[in-house]
Amino acid sequence: MLDLRYVSENLPEVKAALLRRGFTDAELLDRLGRLSEERRNLIASVESLRQERNEASQAMAKISDKTSETFQAKRDRLRALGDEIKRGETKQVELEGELETILLNLPNLPRPDVPDGRSERDNVEVRVWGDQPSFGFQPRDHVEIGSQLGILDFERAAKISGSRFVILKGLGSRLNRALMQFMLDVHTSEHGYEEVWPPVLVKDSAMRGTSQLPKFAKDAFRIAKDEEWEAQADARGHDLYLVPTAEVPITNLHADEIVAGSDLPLAYTGYTACFRSEAGSYGKDTRGMIRVHQFDKVELVRFCRPEQGETQLEILTGHAEAILQKLGLHHRVVELCAGDMGFAAQKSYDLEVWLPAQNAYREISSCSWFGDFQARRMKARFRPDPKAKPQLLHTLNGSGLAIGRTVVAILEQNQQADGAVTIPEVLVPYMGGVERIPPVS
């Protein structure tokens, strides 16, 4: 969430920055400016009334004759002042609710060095790693490969759960599990992350803290309620959602906390299943495992001081990219333009892996620096030194990696003429010594 004071005092600059993202609702920002000014005036008015009430109360206390007209007049004025203050306080709460609603729906401001552009076509290629695999045959896509290997079953998944689900079987399931363990091992033992295994059901406050709510409510799976559950929810005071990414529970580890500045940066990694309705995909990537409702992911989350943010983004991106390099998968890194960044990001890199059957690069990880955008929502702060005033943390996260898409990349880049798929060397120990997945005879 953006800082109200900064937005209201710098509306022209904020409008220009949001326009770079394609946000064109200037009227909403003007309304925010008007409400903010009204709030400031109201706060000043209420403070003036409180001061007047204090002075009147002190003056009344000096009147010895409690039956005099002067005393009665002072008492009546005190009552009137109390009513005015209550009305002002009520109005202030209403104004702050309106302002928060507007702020919760405003995206983060792109950093000045973020490239201009409106779509993925305007993203800037930073580097390319490895060579594109070449084949002496027409490369097949992962759906055909997985079916021939007997490791992917979309038909039975659809029977059980509907479209956009998949069942991994046999060595496919083992490959998925191997990747999860391999990624966590690398990030913990080599990159220094602390591993956590978080819940996949989270409060609406956690979703709001990392900016999934209210903006992406249609893309989230909210737990359905019967009458008994509804009663329990009323008692709890919150809804529950299935996580769209481990970013939600892991980033919220430090919600409503003040961490010591000497402990920064903090780095966490964790695996979860992830759940997304893909409400805005409009039929895109309906074939195969690229865009499904349930998928597995290893997440990287970092907390740091503001001045560490740029460096921490490069570090996090490098850690995610290291997984692709160890797996020997051809990929590239692109810096996202202002119009293609996620809602909460102020600067982002995407890792895009090469898929031969599509003859295209596809995103496998998005690594972002959010500034204090999430921390302001979560009230996540740090104390620079023991006696200093707390400041908002800066948060970063990225996929390290999306496991399903990594399976897709391995199947497509490592396919052989006989229909088999070779296992990356670093995964062989995790596969129990299996070096290749042969086609079903």
Protein backbone atom coordinates (compact mmCIF):
# COMPACT_ATOMS: atom_id res chain seq x y z
CA MET A 1 0.00 0.00 0.00
CA LEU A 2 1.26 3.45 -0.87
CA ASP A 3 1.93 6.06 1.80
CA LEU A 4 -1.09 8.38 2.09
CA ARG A 5 0.96 11.45 2.94
CA TYR A 6 3.34 10.93 0.03
CA VAL A 7 0.50 10.37 -2.45
CA SER A 8 -1.56 13.36 -1.28
CA GLU A 9 1.45 15.70 -1.23
CA ASN A 10 2.86 14.51 -4.59
CA LEU A 11 -0.23 13.83 -6.72
CA PRO A 12 1.24 14.97 -10.08
CA GLU A 13 4.32 12.75 -9.64
CA VAL A 14 2.19 9.81 -8.47
CA LYS A 15 -0.16 10.18 -11.44
CA ALA A 16 2.79 10.20 -13.83
CA ALA A 17 4.35 7.12 -12.20
CA LEU A 18 1.07 5.18 -12.26
CA LEU A 19 0.47 6.21 -15.86
CA ARG A 20 3.69 4.37 -16.73
CA ARG A 21 1.99 1.25 -15.39
CA GLY A 22 -1.12 1.88 -17.48
CA PHE A 23 -3.16 3.10 -14.50
CA THR A 24 -5.25 5.94 -15.89
CA ASP A 25 -7.89 6.59 -13.22
CA ALA A 26 -6.83 10.17 -12.47
CA GLU A 27 -10.28 10.88 -11.04
CA LEU A 28 -9.70 8.31 -8.30
CA LEU A 29 -6.42 9.96 -7.37
CA ASP A 30 -8.07 13.39 -7.36
CA ARG A 31 -10.72 12.01 -5.01
CA LEU A 32 -7.98 10.68 -2.76
CA GLY A 33 -6.43 14.16 -2.70
CA ARG A 34 -9.74 15.78 -1.76
CA LEU A 35 -10.47 13.22 0.96
CA SER A 36 -6.96 13.57 2.33
CA GLU A 37 -7.33 17.35 2.54
CA GLU A 38 -10.73 16.97 4.20
CA ARG A 39 -9.19 14.56 6.70
CA ARG A 40 -6.35 16.96 7.52
CA ASN A 41 -8.80 19.82 8.08
CA LEU A 42 -11.04 17.60 10.18
CA ILE A 43 -8.13 16.46 12.37
CA ALA A 44 -7.13 20.09 12.93
CA SER A 45 -10.73 21.01 13.76
CA VAL A 46 -11.16 18.16 16.23
CA GLU A 47 -7.85 19.02 17.91
CA SER A 48 -9.01 22.63 18.24
CA LEU A 49 -12.29 21.46 19.79
CA ARG A 50 -10.41 19.24 22.24
CA GLN A 51 -8.23 22.15 23.28
CA GLU A 52 -11.30 24.32 23.75
CA ARG A 53 -12.92 21.56 25.82
CA ASN A 54 -9.84 21.29 28.05
CA GLU A 55 -9.77 25.03 28.60
CA ALA A 56 -13.52 25.13 29.32
CA SER A 57 -13.20 22.23 31.75
CA GLN A 58 -10.39 23.99 33.62
CA ALA A 59 -12.38 27.23 33.75
CA MET A 60 -15.47 25.42 35.02
CA ALA A 61 -13.47 23.74 37.77
CA LYS A 62 -12.59 27.20 39.13
CA ILE A 63 -16.24 28.20 39.55
CA SER A 64 -17.21 27.61 43.17
CA ASP A 65 -20.97 28.17 42.73
CA LYS A 66 -22.17 25.07 40.91
CA THR A 67 -25.69 26.52 40.66
CA SER A 68 -24.70 29.74 38.93
CA GLU A 69 -25.68 30.57 35.36
CA THR A 70 -22.03 30.80 34.44
CA PHE A 71 -21.40 27.24 35.61
CA GLN A 72 -24.51 25.96 33.78
CA ALA A 73 -23.40 27.69 30.57
CA LYS A 74 -19.92 26.18 30.82
CA ARG A 75 -21.41 22.72 31.39
CA ASP A 76 -23.74 23.08 28.40
CA ARG A 77 -20.81 24.17 26.24
CA LEU A 78 -18.76 21.19 27.39
CA ARG A 79 -21.57 18.84 26.39
CA ALA A 80 -21.87 20.53 23.01
CA LEU A 81 -18.12 20.31 22.50
CA GLY A 82 -18.18 16.60 23.40
CA ASP A 83 -20.92 15.98 20.81
CA GLU A 84 -19.01 17.91 18.15
CA ILE A 85 -15.83 15.96 18.89
CA LYS A 86 -17.67 12.63 18.65
CA ARG A 87 -19.16 13.63 15.29
CA GLY A 88 -15.74 14.68 14.08
CA GLU A 89 -14.14 11.43 15.23
CA THR A 90 -16.88 9.41 13.53
CA LYS A 91 -16.40 11.35 10.30
CA GLN A 92 -12.63 10.84 10.55
CA VAL A 93 -13.09 7.08 10.78
CA GLU A 94 -15.34 7.20 7.70
CA LEU A 95 -12.82 9.25 5.74
CA GLU A 96 -9.95 6.98 6.71
CA GLY A 97 -11.99 3.95 5.61
CA GLU A 98 -12.59 5.55 2.20
CA LEU A 99 -8.93 6.49 1.88
CA GLU A 100 -7.79 2.99 2.79
CA THR A 101 -10.14 1.48 0.20
CA ILE A 102 -8.62 3.70 -2.49
CA LEU A 103 -5.05 2.99 -1.38
CA LEU A 104 -5.65 -0.77 -1.30
CA ASN A 105 -6.59 -0.61 -4.99
CA LEU A 106 -3.63 1.49 -6.13
CA PRO A 107 -0.62 -0.44 -7.51
CA ASN A 108 2.92 0.23 -6.39
CA LEU A 109 4.96 2.94 -8.08
CA PRO A 110 7.62 1.68 -10.50
CA ARG A 111 11.15 2.77 -9.70
CA PRO A 112 12.50 5.44 -12.06
CA ASP A 113 14.99 3.01 -13.63
CA VAL A 114 12.27 0.51 -14.60
CA PRO A 115 11.91 0.44 -18.42
CA ASP A 116 8.87 2.06 -20.02
CA GLY A 117 6.39 -0.20 -21.78
CA ARG A 118 2.88 -1.62 -21.63
CA SER A 119 3.24 -5.38 -22.17
CA GLU A 120 5.66 -8.32 -22.14
CA ARG A 121 6.76 -7.31 -25.63
CA ASP A 122 8.46 -4.28 -24.05
CA ASN A 123 10.44 -6.20 -21.45
CA VAL A 124 14.22 -5.89 -21.69
CA GLU A 125 16.43 -8.96 -22.09
CA VAL A 126 19.20 -8.84 -19.47
CA ARG A 127 21.07 -12.07 -20.20
CA VAL A 128 20.73 -15.50 -21.80
CA TRP A 129 22.16 -18.68 -20.32
CA GLY A 130 23.05 -21.83 -22.24
CA ASP A 131 22.33 -22.89 -25.79
CA GLN A 132 18.96 -23.72 -27.23
CA PRO A 133 18.69 -27.51 -27.52
CA SER A 134 18.66 -28.77 -31.08
CA PHE A 135 16.85 -31.91 -32.24
CA GLY A 136 17.08 -34.13 -35.28
CA PHE A 137 13.32 -34.55 -35.11
CA GLN A 138 10.22 -32.41 -34.58
CA PRO A 139 10.16 -31.69 -30.83
CA ARG A 140 6.99 -32.75 -29.02
CA ASP A 141 5.27 -30.74 -26.30
CA HIS A 142 5.15 -31.89 -22.69
CA VAL A 143 1.58 -33.18 -22.95
CA GLU A 144 2.46 -35.61 -25.73
CA ILE A 145 5.76 -36.55 -24.06
CA GLY A 146 4.17 -37.11 -20.66
CA SER A 147 1.40 -39.24 -22.13
CA GLN A 148 3.89 -41.41 -24.05
CA LEU A 149 5.96 -41.84 -20.89
CA GLY A 150 2.87 -42.67 -18.86
CA ILE A 151 3.66 -40.02 -16.24
CA LEU A 152 0.97 -37.38 -16.88
CA ASP A 153 -2.76 -38.08 -16.73
CA PHE A 154 -5.06 -35.17 -17.57
CA GLU A 155 -8.18 -37.22 -18.30
CA ARG A 156 -8.41 -38.83 -14.87
CA ALA A 157 -7.57 -35.51 -13.22
CA ALA A 158 -10.48 -33.92 -15.08
CA LYS A 159 -12.74 -36.78 -13.97
CA ILE A 160 -11.79 -36.17 -10.35
CA SER A 161 -11.42 -32.38 -10.21
CA GLY A 162 -12.37 -30.83 -13.56
CA SER A 163 -10.30 -29.07 -16.19
CA ARG A 164 -6.85 -27.59 -15.55
CA PHE A 165 -5.72 -30.27 -13.13
CA VAL A 166 -3.13 -33.00 -13.66
CA ILE A 167 -2.14 -36.26 -12.04
CA LEU A 168 1.57 -37.10 -12.05
CA LYS A 169 2.28 -40.83 -11.91
CA GLY A 170 5.27 -43.07 -11.37
CA LEU A 171 8.53 -41.42 -12.33
CA GLY A 172 6.64 -38.20 -13.10
CA SER A 173 5.51 -37.98 -9.49
CA ARG A 174 9.03 -38.83 -8.33
CA LEU A 175 10.49 -36.15 -10.60
CA ASN A 176 8.14 -33.59 -9.07
CA ARG A 177 9.17 -34.66 -5.55
CA ALA A 178 12.86 -34.75 -6.52
CA LEU A 179 12.70 -31.18 -7.79
CA MET A 180 11.07 -29.96 -4.60
CA GLN A 181 13.74 -31.53 -2.40
CA PHE A 182 16.58 -30.47 -4.71
CA MET A 183 15.44 -26.83 -4.77
CA LEU A 184 15.02 -26.68 -0.99
CA ASP A 185 18.41 -28.32 -0.44
CA VAL A 186 20.18 -25.82 -2.70
CA HIS A 187 18.46 -22.79 -1.20
CA THR A 188 19.13 -23.87 2.39
CA SER A 189 22.61 -25.39 2.17
CA GLU A 190 24.13 -23.17 -0.55
CA HIS A 191 22.13 -19.94 -0.45
CA GLY A 192 21.57 -19.63 3.29
CA TYR A 193 17.77 -19.54 3.45
CA GLU A 194 15.89 -20.80 6.49
CA GLU A 195 13.34 -23.42 5.46
CA VAL A 196 9.75 -23.15 6.65
CA TRP A 197 6.74 -25.36 5.95
CA PRO A 198 3.79 -22.97 6.24
CA PRO A 199 0.01 -23.51 6.26
CA VAL A 200 -1.80 -23.45 2.92
CA LEU A 201 -4.94 -22.02 4.51
CA VAL A 202 -4.48 -18.38 5.49
CA LYS A 203 -6.57 -15.56 6.90
CA ASP A 204 -7.94 -12.83 4.68
CA SER A 205 -5.64 -10.43 6.57
CA ALA A 206 -2.61 -12.39 5.32
CA MET A 207 -3.91 -12.21 1.74
CA ARG A 208 -4.43 -8.49 2.16
CA GLY A 209 -0.96 -8.07 3.63
CA THR A 210 0.77 -9.34 0.49
CA SER A 211 -1.67 -7.51 -1.84
CA GLN A 212 -3.71 -10.49 -3.10
CA LEU A 213 -6.80 -8.83 -1.60
CA PRO A 214 -8.82 -6.95 -2.58
CA LYS A 215 -7.32 -6.62 -6.07
CA PHE A 216 -7.18 -10.33 -6.95
CA ALA A 217 -10.16 -11.70 -5.01
CA LYS A 218 -11.58 -13.36 -8.15
CA ASP A 219 -8.37 -15.31 -8.64
CA ALA A 220 -8.38 -16.70 -5.09
CA PHE A 221 -10.05 -19.84 -3.72
CA ARG A 222 -12.06 -18.83 -0.66
CA ILE A 223 -13.19 -21.66 1.59
CA ALA A 224 -16.90 -22.32 1.15
CA LYS A 225 -18.99 -22.17 4.31
CA ASP A 226 -21.95 -24.06 5.65
CA GLU A 227 -24.03 -22.69 8.53
CA GLU A 228 -21.77 -24.18 11.20
CA TRP A 229 -18.65 -22.84 9.50
CA GLU A 230 -20.30 -19.44 9.09
CA ALA A 231 -20.94 -19.28 12.82
CA GLN A 232 -17.35 -20.24 13.55
CA ALA A 233 -16.10 -17.66 11.07
CA ASP A 234 -18.12 -14.96 12.81
CA ALA A 235 -16.50 -15.97 16.09
CA ARG A 236 -13.03 -15.96 14.50
CA GLY A 237 -13.62 -12.71 12.67
CA HIS A 238 -11.88 -13.77 9.46
CA ASP A 239 -12.26 -15.80 6.26
CA LEU A 240 -9.83 -18.47 5.10
CA TYR A 241 -8.24 -18.77 1.66
CA LEU A 242 -6.11 -21.39 -0.08
CA VAL A 243 -2.72 -19.82 -0.76
CA PRO A 244 -2.04 -18.70 -4.35
CA THR A 245 1.66 -18.81 -3.48
CA ALA A 246 3.86 -19.50 -0.45
CA GLU A 247 4.72 -15.79 -0.60
CA VAL A 248 1.54 -15.15 1.41
CA PRO A 249 2.23 -17.16 4.59
CA ILE A 250 6.01 -16.70 4.52
CA THR A 251 5.98 -12.92 4.03
CA ASN A 252 3.38 -12.61 6.78
CA LEU A 253 5.75 -14.30 9.24
CA HIS A 254 6.76 -10.81 10.37
CA ALA A 255 3.37 -9.07 10.14
CA ASP A 256 2.75 -6.83 13.17
CA GLU A 257 6.35 -7.35 14.32
CA ILE A 258 9.43 -5.21 14.82
CA VAL A 259 12.61 -7.09 13.96
CA ALA A 260 16.10 -6.04 14.96
CA GLY A 261 18.02 -4.21 12.26
CA SER A 262 21.07 -6.29 13.13
CA ASP A 263 19.19 -9.42 11.99
CA LEU A 264 18.66 -8.10 8.46
CA PRO A 265 18.56 -9.30 5.80
CA LEU A 266 16.32 -12.26 6.63
CA ALA A 267 15.83 -15.03 4.07
CA TYR A 268 13.23 -17.80 4.04
CA THR A 269 12.38 -20.56 1.60
CA GLY A 270 9.45 -22.91 1.64
CA TYR A 271 7.36 -25.29 -0.42
CA THR A 272 3.58 -25.23 -0.77
CA ALA A 273 0.96 -26.41 -3.14
CA CYS A 274 -0.57 -23.29 -4.72
CA PHE A 275 -4.15 -22.67 -5.83
CA ARG A 276 -5.40 -20.14 -8.38
CA SER A 277 -8.68 -19.84 -10.23
CA GLU A 278 -6.92 -18.10 -13.17
CA ALA A 279 -9.98 -15.87 -13.46
CA GLY A 280 -8.34 -13.49 -15.93
CA SER A 281 -6.62 -15.98 -18.22
CA TYR A 282 -9.50 -16.15 -20.74
CA GLY A 283 -8.54 -19.49 -22.24
CA LYS A 284 -4.79 -18.81 -22.34
CA ASP A 285 -2.54 -21.86 -21.86
CA THR A 286 -5.42 -24.27 -21.33
CA ARG A 287 -3.36 -27.18 -22.67
CA GLY A 288 -1.09 -29.02 -20.30
CA MET A 289 0.63 -27.89 -17.10
CA ILE A 290 1.55 -24.29 -17.86
CA ARG A 291 -1.53 -22.71 -16.24
CA VAL A 292 -3.39 -25.02 -13.86
CA HIS A 293 -5.54 -24.48 -10.78
CA GLN A 294 -3.23 -26.42 -8.45
CA PHE A 295 0.55 -26.48 -8.75
CA ASP A 296 3.67 -26.83 -6.62
CA LYS A 297 6.23 -24.13 -5.97
CA VAL A 298 9.30 -23.42 -3.88
CA GLU A 299 9.30 -19.78 -2.81
CA LEU A 300 12.10 -17.39 -1.83
CA VAL A 301 11.30 -14.46 0.50
CA ARG A 302 13.71 -11.82 1.80
CA PHE A 303 13.35 -8.92 4.27
CA CYS A 304 15.84 -6.07 4.33
CA ARG A 305 16.57 -2.42 5.06
CA PRO A 306 15.50 0.06 2.33
CA GLU A 307 19.08 0.72 1.24
CA GLN A 308 19.66 -3.02 0.76
CA GLY A 309 16.74 -3.57 -1.61
CA GLU A 310 18.48 -3.24 -4.98
CA THR A 311 21.30 -5.58 -3.99
CA GLN A 312 18.89 -8.07 -2.42
CA LEU A 313 16.86 -8.25 -5.63
CA GLU A 314 19.96 -9.18 -7.60
CA ILE A 315 20.88 -11.80 -4.99
CA LEU A 316 17.41 -13.34 -4.94
CA THR A 317 17.20 -13.44 -8.74
CA GLY A 318 20.62 -15.11 -8.88
CA HIS A 319 19.50 -17.76 -6.41
CA ALA A 320 16.44 -18.62 -8.48
CA GLU A 321 18.51 -18.67 -11.68
CA ALA A 322 21.07 -20.98 -10.09
CA ILE A 323 18.45 -23.76 -10.03
CA LEU A 324 17.97 -23.51 -13.80
CA GLN A 325 21.71 -23.48 -14.35
CA LYS A 326 22.28 -26.57 -12.18
CA LEU A 327 19.52 -28.34 -14.11
CA GLY A 328 21.17 -27.34 -17.39
CA LEU A 329 18.01 -25.66 -18.71
CA HIS A 330 18.40 -22.98 -21.37
CA HIS A 331 16.76 -19.75 -20.19
CA ARG A 332 16.95 -15.99 -20.15
CA VAL A 333 16.45 -13.19 -17.63
CA VAL A 334 14.31 -10.18 -18.57
CA GLU A 335 13.63 -6.96 -16.69
CA LEU A 336 9.93 -6.21 -16.69
CA CYS A 337 8.70 -2.93 -18.08
CA ALA A 338 6.47 -0.71 -15.95
CA GLY A 339 3.27 -1.90 -17.63
CA ASP A 340 4.00 -5.62 -17.20
CA MET A 341 4.97 -5.67 -13.52
CA GLY A 342 2.82 -7.27 -10.85
CA PHE A 343 0.47 -5.07 -8.82
CA ALA A 344 2.71 -4.84 -5.73
CA ALA A 345 6.15 -4.74 -7.38
CA GLN A 346 8.34 -1.69 -7.86
CA LYS A 347 11.00 -3.59 -9.83
CA SER A 348 10.97 -7.14 -11.23
CA TYR A 349 12.95 -9.69 -13.19
CA ASP A 350 11.39 -12.71 -14.86
CA LEU A 351 13.27 -15.94 -15.51
CA GLU A 352 11.99 -17.44 -18.74
CA VAL A 353 12.79 -21.02 -19.69
CA TRP A 354 12.92 -22.20 -23.30
CA LEU A 355 10.13 -24.53 -24.45
CA PRO A 356 11.10 -26.08 -27.81
CA ALA A 357 7.57 -27.17 -28.76
CA GLN A 358 6.34 -23.59 -28.42
CA ASN A 359 9.54 -22.16 -29.89
CA ALA A 360 9.31 -19.57 -27.14
CA TYR A 361 10.51 -18.57 -23.70
CA ARG A 362 7.97 -18.95 -20.88
CA GLU A 363 8.07 -17.51 -17.37
CA ILE A 364 9.18 -19.92 -14.67
CA SER A 365 9.96 -17.39 -11.92
CA SER A 366 9.19 -13.76 -11.21
CA CYS A 367 11.54 -12.05 -8.74
CA SER A 368 10.32 -8.75 -7.30
CA TRP A 369 11.27 -5.98 -4.92
CA PHE A 370 8.19 -4.45 -3.29
CA GLY A 371 9.80 -1.64 -1.29
CA ASP A 372 7.62 -0.97 1.77
CA PHE A 373 4.38 -1.58 -0.17
CA GLN A 374 3.59 -4.91 1.53
CA ALA A 375 5.18 -4.00 4.86
CA ARG A 376 2.87 -0.99 5.26
CA ARG A 377 -0.14 -3.28 4.93
CA MET A 378 1.34 -5.86 7.30
CA LYS A 379 2.82 -3.35 9.77
CA ALA A 380 6.13 -5.20 9.40
CA ARG A 381 8.93 -3.04 10.73
CA PHE A 382 12.54 -3.07 11.89
CA ARG A 383 14.48 -1.04 14.44
CA PRO A 384 17.75 0.25 12.89
CA ASP A 385 19.41 0.24 16.30
CA PRO A 386 18.13 -0.47 19.83
CA LYS A 387 17.06 3.13 20.55
CA ALA A 388 15.91 4.13 17.06
CA LYS A 389 12.36 4.66 15.83
CA PRO A 390 10.98 1.64 13.92
CA GLN A 391 10.90 1.83 10.12
CA LEU A 392 9.02 -0.21 7.53
CA LEU A 393 10.83 -3.25 6.17
CA HIS A 394 11.39 -3.81 2.48
CA THR A 395 10.19 -7.17 1.16
CA LEU A 396 11.24 -9.27 -1.83
CA ASN A 397 10.15 -12.60 -3.19
CA GLY A 398 10.51 -14.91 -6.16
CA SER A 399 9.76 -18.44 -7.24
CA GLY A 400 12.70 -20.68 -6.71
CA LEU A 401 11.14 -22.35 -8.82
CA ALA A 402 7.65 -23.22 -10.02
CA ILE A 403 7.99 -27.01 -9.95
CA GLY A 404 5.38 -27.91 -12.56
CA ARG A 405 6.87 -25.59 -15.16
CA THR A 406 10.32 -26.99 -14.35
CA VAL A 407 8.96 -30.48 -15.08
CA VAL A 408 7.62 -29.14 -18.39
CA ALA A 409 11.02 -27.66 -19.28
CA ILE A 410 12.89 -30.87 -18.43
CA LEU A 411 10.49 -32.98 -20.52
CA GLU A 412 10.75 -30.68 -23.53
CA GLN A 413 14.45 -29.76 -23.44
CA ASN A 414 15.65 -33.27 -22.56
CA GLN A 415 13.45 -35.29 -24.93
CA GLN A 416 15.16 -37.93 -27.05
CA ALA A 417 14.45 -39.34 -30.51
CA ASP A 418 13.26 -42.66 -29.04
CA GLY A 419 10.67 -40.88 -26.90
CA ALA A 420 12.64 -41.10 -23.64
CA VAL A 421 13.58 -38.12 -21.45
CA THR A 422 16.97 -37.84 -19.74
CA ILE A 423 17.13 -36.74 -16.11
CA PRO A 424 19.43 -33.79 -15.28
CA GLU A 425 22.58 -35.12 -13.61
CA VAL A 426 22.01 -33.20 -10.36
CA LEU A 427 18.59 -34.87 -9.96
CA VAL A 428 19.75 -38.47 -10.45
CA PRO A 429 20.52 -39.00 -6.72
CA TYR A 430 17.08 -37.62 -5.86
CA MET A 431 15.55 -40.03 -8.41
CA GLY A 432 17.10 -43.08 -6.79
CA GLY A 433 19.67 -43.42 -9.56
CA VAL A 434 17.17 -43.19 -12.44
CA GLU A 435 18.91 -41.44 -15.37
CA ARG A 436 16.14 -41.56 -17.96
CA ILE A 437 12.39 -42.03 -18.20
CA PRO A 438 11.60 -44.47 -21.01
CA PRO A 439 8.39 -44.45 -23.04
CA VAL A 440 5.69 -46.92 -22.10
CA SER A 441 6.17 -50.03 -24.19
